[in-house]
């Protein structure tokens, strides 16, 4: 008899987030999100244009790339809705509360030469605010080293209460506005 190891629940949900990321219609990255509550999948999301509109694949262009905007900047000009946003929206469409839920995130950067590189999954500033307001309590992110990192949303809130809303060392790596204000 062959003995095999059963994957953990976290690995199971992260694998589903990875599969969701494959639906992405973005030239720059693949992102997938899965929201789980009481050990049940509530919602999934991936990067894609709003329902019934043309995505970057259908247009064969990326507006931000065409304008020379670096990756990670000027999200308001992106045709797509982020994976985290879509997962939150999809749960709202079904009338499901996210209070006490967990979100799993998986991200891959797509290089212009066709290479795919797993990156540390982390929500953008807009998604982070939506996650806080949604009632989600944890974000579990796939890291480039293959490990999972757990973020407690109460820690984000505490940091923002004590510092400033955009003092976010994880995302930006530096102190920003509030450190300048204290002078």
C-alpha atoms as a PDB file:
ATOM      1  CA  UNK A   1       0.000   0.000   0.000  1.00  0.00           C
ATOM      2  CA  UNK A   2       1.298   3.445  -0.957  1.00  0.00           C
ATOM      3  CA  UNK A   3       0.976   6.076   1.728  1.00  0.00           C
ATOM      4  CA  UNK A   4       0.424   9.592   0.509  1.00  0.00           C
ATOM      5  CA  UNK A   5       0.283  12.820   2.412  1.00  0.00           C
ATOM      6  CA  UNK A   6      -2.991  14.699   2.377  1.00  0.00           C
ATOM      7  CA  UNK A   7      -2.668  18.418   1.629  1.00  0.00           C
ATOM      8  CA  UNK A   8      -3.717  20.909   4.269  1.00  0.00           C
ATOM      9  CA  UNK A   9      -6.896  22.984   4.014  1.00  0.00           C
ATOM     10  CA  UNK A  10      -4.767  26.068   3.395  1.00  0.00           C
ATOM     11  CA  UNK A  11      -2.996  24.321   0.493  1.00  0.00           C
ATOM     12  CA  UNK A  12      -6.357  23.155  -0.856  1.00  0.00           C
ATOM     13  CA  UNK A  13      -7.855  26.656  -0.870  1.00  0.00           C
ATOM     14  CA  UNK A  14      -4.636  28.183  -2.247  1.00  0.00           C
ATOM     15  CA  UNK A  15      -4.673  25.672  -5.106  1.00  0.00           C
ATOM     16  CA  UNK A  16      -8.198  26.842  -5.937  1.00  0.00           C
ATOM     17  CA  UNK A  17      -7.008  30.478  -5.857  1.00  0.00           C
ATOM     18  CA  UNK A  18      -4.216  29.477  -8.255  1.00  0.00           C
ATOM     19  CA  UNK A  19      -6.746  27.888 -10.611  1.00  0.00           C
ATOM     20  CA  UNK A  20      -8.946  31.008 -10.425  1.00  0.00           C
ATOM     21  CA  UNK A  21      -5.917  33.106 -11.407  1.00  0.00           C
ATOM     22  CA  UNK A  22      -5.749  31.228 -14.717  1.00  0.00           C
ATOM     23  CA  UNK A  23      -8.985  32.978 -15.788  1.00  0.00           C
ATOM     24  CA  UNK A  24      -7.254  36.364 -15.576  1.00  0.00           C
ATOM     25  CA  UNK A  25      -7.560  38.577 -18.650  1.00  0.00           C
ATOM     26  CA  UNK A  26      -4.550  40.772 -17.822  1.00  0.00           C
ATOM     27  CA  UNK A  27      -1.314  40.881 -19.816  1.00  0.00           C
ATOM     28  CA  UNK A  28       0.796  41.782 -16.779  1.00  0.00           C
ATOM     29  CA  UNK A  29      -0.261  39.399 -14.020  1.00  0.00           C
ATOM     30  CA  UNK A  30      -2.494  36.549 -12.952  1.00  0.00           C
ATOM     31  CA  UNK A  31      -4.226  37.004  -9.612  1.00  0.00           C
ATOM     32  CA  UNK A  32      -6.765  34.723  -7.979  1.00  0.00           C
ATOM     33  CA  UNK A  33      -8.743  35.036  -4.766  1.00  0.00           C
ATOM     34  CA  UNK A  34     -10.895  32.610  -2.803  1.00  0.00           C
ATOM     35  CA  UNK A  35     -13.035  33.586   0.170  1.00  0.00           C
ATOM     36  CA  UNK A  36     -13.748  30.877   2.735  1.00  0.00           C
ATOM     37  CA  UNK A  37     -16.050  30.987   5.740  1.00  0.00           C
ATOM     38  CA  UNK A  38     -16.754  28.123   8.152  1.00  0.00           C
ATOM     39  CA  UNK A  39     -14.669  25.819   5.938  1.00  0.00           C
ATOM     40  CA  UNK A  40     -16.866  26.529   2.908  1.00  0.00           C
ATOM     41  CA  UNK A  41     -15.929  28.428  -0.240  1.00  0.00           C
ATOM     42  CA  UNK A  42     -18.137  31.499  -0.445  1.00  0.00           C
ATOM     43  CA  UNK A  43     -16.688  33.191  -3.485  1.00  0.00           C
ATOM     44  CA  UNK A  44     -13.830  33.305  -5.962  1.00  0.00           C
ATOM     45  CA  UNK A  45     -12.404  36.095  -8.067  1.00  0.00           C
ATOM     46  CA  UNK A  46      -9.758  36.795 -10.661  1.00  0.00           C
ATOM     47  CA  UNK A  47      -8.524  39.873 -12.511  1.00  0.00           C
ATOM     48  CA  UNK A  48     -10.919  40.680 -15.322  1.00  0.00           C
ATOM     49  CA  UNK A  49     -12.947  43.373 -17.012  1.00  0.00           C
ATOM     50  CA  UNK A  50     -16.410  44.162 -15.630  1.00  0.00           C
ATOM     51  CA  UNK A  51     -19.135  41.769 -16.746  1.00  0.00           C
ATOM     52  CA  UNK A  52     -20.260  42.160 -20.371  1.00  0.00           C
ATOM     53  CA  UNK A  53     -17.378  44.512 -21.260  1.00  0.00           C
ATOM     54  CA  UNK A  54     -14.293  43.828 -23.378  1.00  0.00           C
ATOM     55  CA  UNK A  55     -11.145  42.791 -21.551  1.00  0.00           C
ATOM     56  CA  UNK A  56      -7.530  43.396 -22.540  1.00  0.00           C
ATOM     57  CA  UNK A  57      -7.341  40.075 -24.429  1.00  0.00           C
ATOM     58  CA  UNK A  58     -10.398  40.937 -26.528  1.00  0.00           C
ATOM     59  CA  UNK A  59      -9.006  44.419 -27.221  1.00  0.00           C
ATOM     60  CA  UNK A  60      -5.480  43.045 -27.667  1.00  0.00           C
ATOM     61  CA  UNK A  61      -4.159  45.976 -25.665  1.00  0.00           C
ATOM     62  CA  UNK A  62      -3.455  47.119 -22.134  1.00  0.00           C
ATOM     63  CA  UNK A  63      -4.187  50.799 -21.597  1.00  0.00           C
ATOM     64  CA  UNK A  64      -1.666  51.171 -18.773  1.00  0.00           C
ATOM     65  CA  UNK A  65       1.048  49.443 -20.817  1.00  0.00           C
ATOM     66  CA  UNK A  66       0.186  51.583 -23.873  1.00  0.00           C
ATOM     67  CA  UNK A  67       0.535  54.711 -21.717  1.00  0.00           C
ATOM     68  CA  UNK A  68       3.873  53.510 -20.278  1.00  0.00           C
ATOM     69  CA  UNK A  69       2.533  53.272 -16.717  1.00  0.00           C
ATOM     70  CA  UNK A  70       4.702  51.002 -14.536  1.00  0.00           C
ATOM     71  CA  UNK A  71       3.154  47.902 -13.038  1.00  0.00           C
ATOM     72  CA  UNK A  72       1.540  48.594  -9.662  1.00  0.00           C
ATOM     73  CA  UNK A  73       0.650  52.207 -10.435  1.00  0.00           C
ATOM     74  CA  UNK A  74      -2.462  54.104 -11.588  1.00  0.00           C
ATOM     75  CA  UNK A  75      -4.919  51.256 -11.048  1.00  0.00           C
ATOM     76  CA  UNK A  76      -7.806  53.609 -11.803  1.00  0.00           C
ATOM     77  CA  UNK A  77      -6.769  53.433 -15.482  1.00  0.00           C
ATOM     78  CA  UNK A  78      -6.922  49.631 -15.582  1.00  0.00           C
ATOM     79  CA  UNK A  79      -9.813  48.020 -17.489  1.00  0.00           C
ATOM     80  CA  UNK A  80      -9.906  45.173 -14.999  1.00  0.00           C
ATOM     81  CA  UNK A  81     -11.386  44.629 -11.580  1.00  0.00           C
ATOM     82  CA  UNK A  82      -8.916  43.036  -9.152  1.00  0.00           C
ATOM     83  CA  UNK A  83      -9.305  39.447  -7.952  1.00  0.00           C
ATOM     84  CA  UNK A  84      -9.975  40.557  -4.368  1.00  0.00           C
ATOM     85  CA  UNK A  85     -12.614  43.044  -5.514  1.00  0.00           C
ATOM     86  CA  UNK A  86     -14.291  40.467  -7.742  1.00  0.00           C
ATOM     87  CA  UNK A  87     -14.394  37.903  -4.930  1.00  0.00           C
ATOM     88  CA  UNK A  88     -15.976  40.461  -2.574  1.00  0.00           C
ATOM     89  CA  UNK A  89     -18.433  41.596  -5.266  1.00  0.00           C
ATOM     90  CA  UNK A  90     -19.352  38.007  -6.154  1.00  0.00           C
ATOM     91  CA  UNK A  91     -20.204  37.239  -2.528  1.00  0.00           C
ATOM     92  CA  UNK A  92     -22.390  40.352  -2.392  1.00  0.00           C
ATOM     93  CA  UNK A  93     -24.183  39.260  -5.578  1.00  0.00           C
ATOM     94  CA  UNK A  94     -25.141  36.011  -3.843  1.00  0.00           C
ATOM     95  CA  UNK A  95     -26.098  37.793  -0.614  1.00  0.00           C
ATOM     96  CA  UNK A  96     -23.407  36.081   1.460  1.00  0.00           C
ATOM     97  CA  UNK A  97     -21.874  37.856   4.456  1.00  0.00           C
ATOM     98  CA  UNK A  98     -18.094  37.991   4.688  1.00  0.00           C
ATOM     99  CA  UNK A  99     -18.015  38.659   8.443  1.00  0.00           C
ATOM    100  CA  UNK A 100     -15.414  36.305   9.894  1.00  0.00           C
ATOM    101  CA  UNK A 101     -14.253  34.988   6.495  1.00  0.00           C
ATOM    102  CA  UNK A 102     -10.712  34.361   5.216  1.00  0.00           C
ATOM    103  CA  UNK A 103      -9.331  35.303   1.805  1.00  0.00           C
ATOM    104  CA  UNK A 104      -6.674  33.306  -0.051  1.00  0.00           C
ATOM    105  CA  UNK A 105      -4.548  35.150  -2.628  1.00  0.00           C
ATOM    106  CA  UNK A 106      -2.322  33.793  -5.383  1.00  0.00           C
ATOM    107  CA  UNK A 107      -0.298  35.952  -7.809  1.00  0.00           C
ATOM    108  CA  UNK A 108       1.958  35.439 -10.814  1.00  0.00           C
ATOM    109  CA  UNK A 109       3.771  38.209 -12.689  1.00  0.00           C
ATOM    110  CA  UNK A 110       3.718  37.750 -16.466  1.00  0.00           C
ATOM    111  CA  UNK A 111       6.910  38.964 -18.097  1.00  0.00           C
ATOM    112  CA  UNK A 112       6.930  40.347 -21.632  1.00  0.00           C
ATOM    113  CA  UNK A 113       9.229  37.472 -22.685  1.00  0.00           C
ATOM    114  CA  UNK A 114       6.506  34.976 -21.656  1.00  0.00           C
ATOM    115  CA  UNK A 115       8.055  33.981 -18.331  1.00  0.00           C
ATOM    116  CA  UNK A 116       5.731  33.471 -15.368  1.00  0.00           C
ATOM    117  CA  UNK A 117       7.061  34.243 -11.892  1.00  0.00           C
ATOM    118  CA  UNK A 118       5.196  33.575  -8.673  1.00  0.00           C
ATOM    119  CA  UNK A 119       5.262  36.759  -6.612  1.00  0.00           C
ATOM    120  CA  UNK A 120       4.347  37.515  -3.014  1.00  0.00           C
ATOM    121  CA  UNK A 121       0.569  37.936  -3.190  1.00  0.00           C
ATOM    122  CA  UNK A 122      -0.540  41.120  -1.461  1.00  0.00           C
ATOM    123  CA  UNK A 123      -3.571  43.348  -2.027  1.00  0.00           C
ATOM    124  CA  UNK A 124      -3.192  46.806  -3.506  1.00  0.00           C
ATOM    125  CA  UNK A 125      -4.154  49.769  -1.338  1.00  0.00           C
ATOM    126  CA  UNK A 126      -7.708  49.935  -2.740  1.00  0.00           C
ATOM    127  CA  UNK A 127      -8.312  46.203  -2.243  1.00  0.00           C
ATOM    128  CA  UNK A 128      -6.838  46.343   1.248  1.00  0.00           C
ATOM    129  CA  UNK A 129      -9.408  48.972   2.264  1.00  0.00           C
ATOM    130  CA  UNK A 130     -12.217  46.879   0.777  1.00  0.00           C
ATOM    131  CA  UNK A 131     -11.007  43.804   2.670  1.00  0.00           C
ATOM    132  CA  UNK A 132     -10.989  45.758   5.948  1.00  0.00           C
ATOM    133  CA  UNK A 133     -14.542  47.024   5.372  1.00  0.00           C
ATOM    134  CA  UNK A 134     -15.884  43.653   4.191  1.00  0.00           C
ATOM    135  CA  UNK A 135     -15.466  41.890   7.554  1.00  0.00           C
ATOM    136  CA  UNK A 136     -12.805  39.447   6.345  1.00  0.00           C
ATOM    137  CA  UNK A 137     -10.531  38.583   9.282  1.00  0.00           C
ATOM    138  CA  UNK A 138      -7.478  37.040   7.565  1.00  0.00           C
ATOM    139  CA  UNK A 139      -5.700  37.106   4.245  1.00  0.00           C
ATOM    140  CA  UNK A 140      -3.568  34.076   3.447  1.00  0.00           C
ATOM    141  CA  UNK A 141      -1.072  34.874   0.706  1.00  0.00           C
ATOM    142  CA  UNK A 142       1.118  32.645  -1.423  1.00  0.00           C
ATOM    143  CA  UNK A 143       4.734  33.780  -1.232  1.00  0.00           C
ATOM    144  CA  UNK A 144       7.350  33.427  -3.961  1.00  0.00           C
ATOM    145  CA  UNK A 145       9.291  31.000  -1.719  1.00  0.00           C
ATOM    146  CA  UNK A 146       6.305  28.616  -1.728  1.00  0.00           C
ATOM    147  CA  UNK A 147       5.254  29.362   1.841  1.00  0.00           C
ATOM    148  CA  UNK A 148       1.981  30.895   2.942  1.00  0.00           C
ATOM    149  CA  UNK A 149       1.852  34.144   4.891  1.00  0.00           C
ATOM    150  CA  UNK A 150      -1.124  35.008   7.086  1.00  0.00           C
ATOM    151  CA  UNK A 151      -2.168  38.616   7.605  1.00  0.00           C
ATOM    152  CA  UNK A 152      -4.580  39.451  10.420  1.00  0.00           C
ATOM    153  CA  UNK A 153      -6.868  42.272   9.334  1.00  0.00           C
ATOM    154  CA  UNK A 154      -7.057  43.587  12.908  1.00  0.00           C
ATOM    155  CA  UNK A 155      -3.283  44.205  12.650  1.00  0.00           C
ATOM    156  CA  UNK A 156      -3.777  46.336   9.511  1.00  0.00           C
ATOM    157  CA  UNK A 157      -6.446  48.343  11.320  1.00  0.00           C
ATOM    158  CA  UNK A 158      -4.246  48.776  14.399  1.00  0.00           C
ATOM    159  CA  UNK A 159      -1.324  49.943  12.254  1.00  0.00           C
ATOM    160  CA  UNK A 160      -3.558  52.491  10.516  1.00  0.00           C
ATOM    161  CA  UNK A 161      -4.978  53.699  13.842  1.00  0.00           C
ATOM    162  CA  UNK A 162      -1.507  54.202  15.322  1.00  0.00           C
ATOM    163  CA  UNK A 163       0.241  55.569  12.255  1.00  0.00           C
ATOM    164  CA  UNK A 164      -1.362  56.752   9.076  1.00  0.00           C
ATOM    165  CA  UNK A 165      -3.504  55.031   6.499  1.00  0.00           C
ATOM    166  CA  UNK A 166      -0.674  54.733   3.978  1.00  0.00           C
ATOM    167  CA  UNK A 167       2.125  53.832   6.374  1.00  0.00           C
ATOM    168  CA  UNK A 168       2.260  50.356   4.952  1.00  0.00           C
ATOM    169  CA  UNK A 169       5.716  48.815   5.181  1.00  0.00           C
ATOM    170  CA  UNK A 170       4.557  45.540   3.587  1.00  0.00           C
ATOM    171  CA  UNK A 171       3.337  47.211   0.397  1.00  0.00           C
ATOM    172  CA  UNK A 172       5.671  50.183   0.011  1.00  0.00           C
ATOM    173  CA  UNK A 173       8.671  49.272   2.167  1.00  0.00           C
ATOM    174  CA  UNK A 174       9.104  52.807   3.504  1.00  0.00           C
ATOM    175  CA  UNK A 175       7.429  55.202   5.866  1.00  0.00           C
ATOM    176  CA  UNK A 176       5.388  57.726   3.974  1.00  0.00           C
ATOM    177  CA  UNK A 177       3.229  60.715   4.868  1.00  0.00           C
ATOM    178  CA  UNK A 178       2.901  60.436   8.660  1.00  0.00           C
ATOM    179  CA  UNK A 179       6.651  60.273   9.229  1.00  0.00           C
ATOM    180  CA  UNK A 180       6.970  63.567   7.341  1.00  0.00           C
ATOM    181  CA  UNK A 181       4.109  65.135   9.311  1.00  0.00           C
ATOM    182  CA  UNK A 182       5.762  64.452  12.685  1.00  0.00           C
ATOM    183  CA  UNK A 183       8.687  66.793  11.959  1.00  0.00           C
END
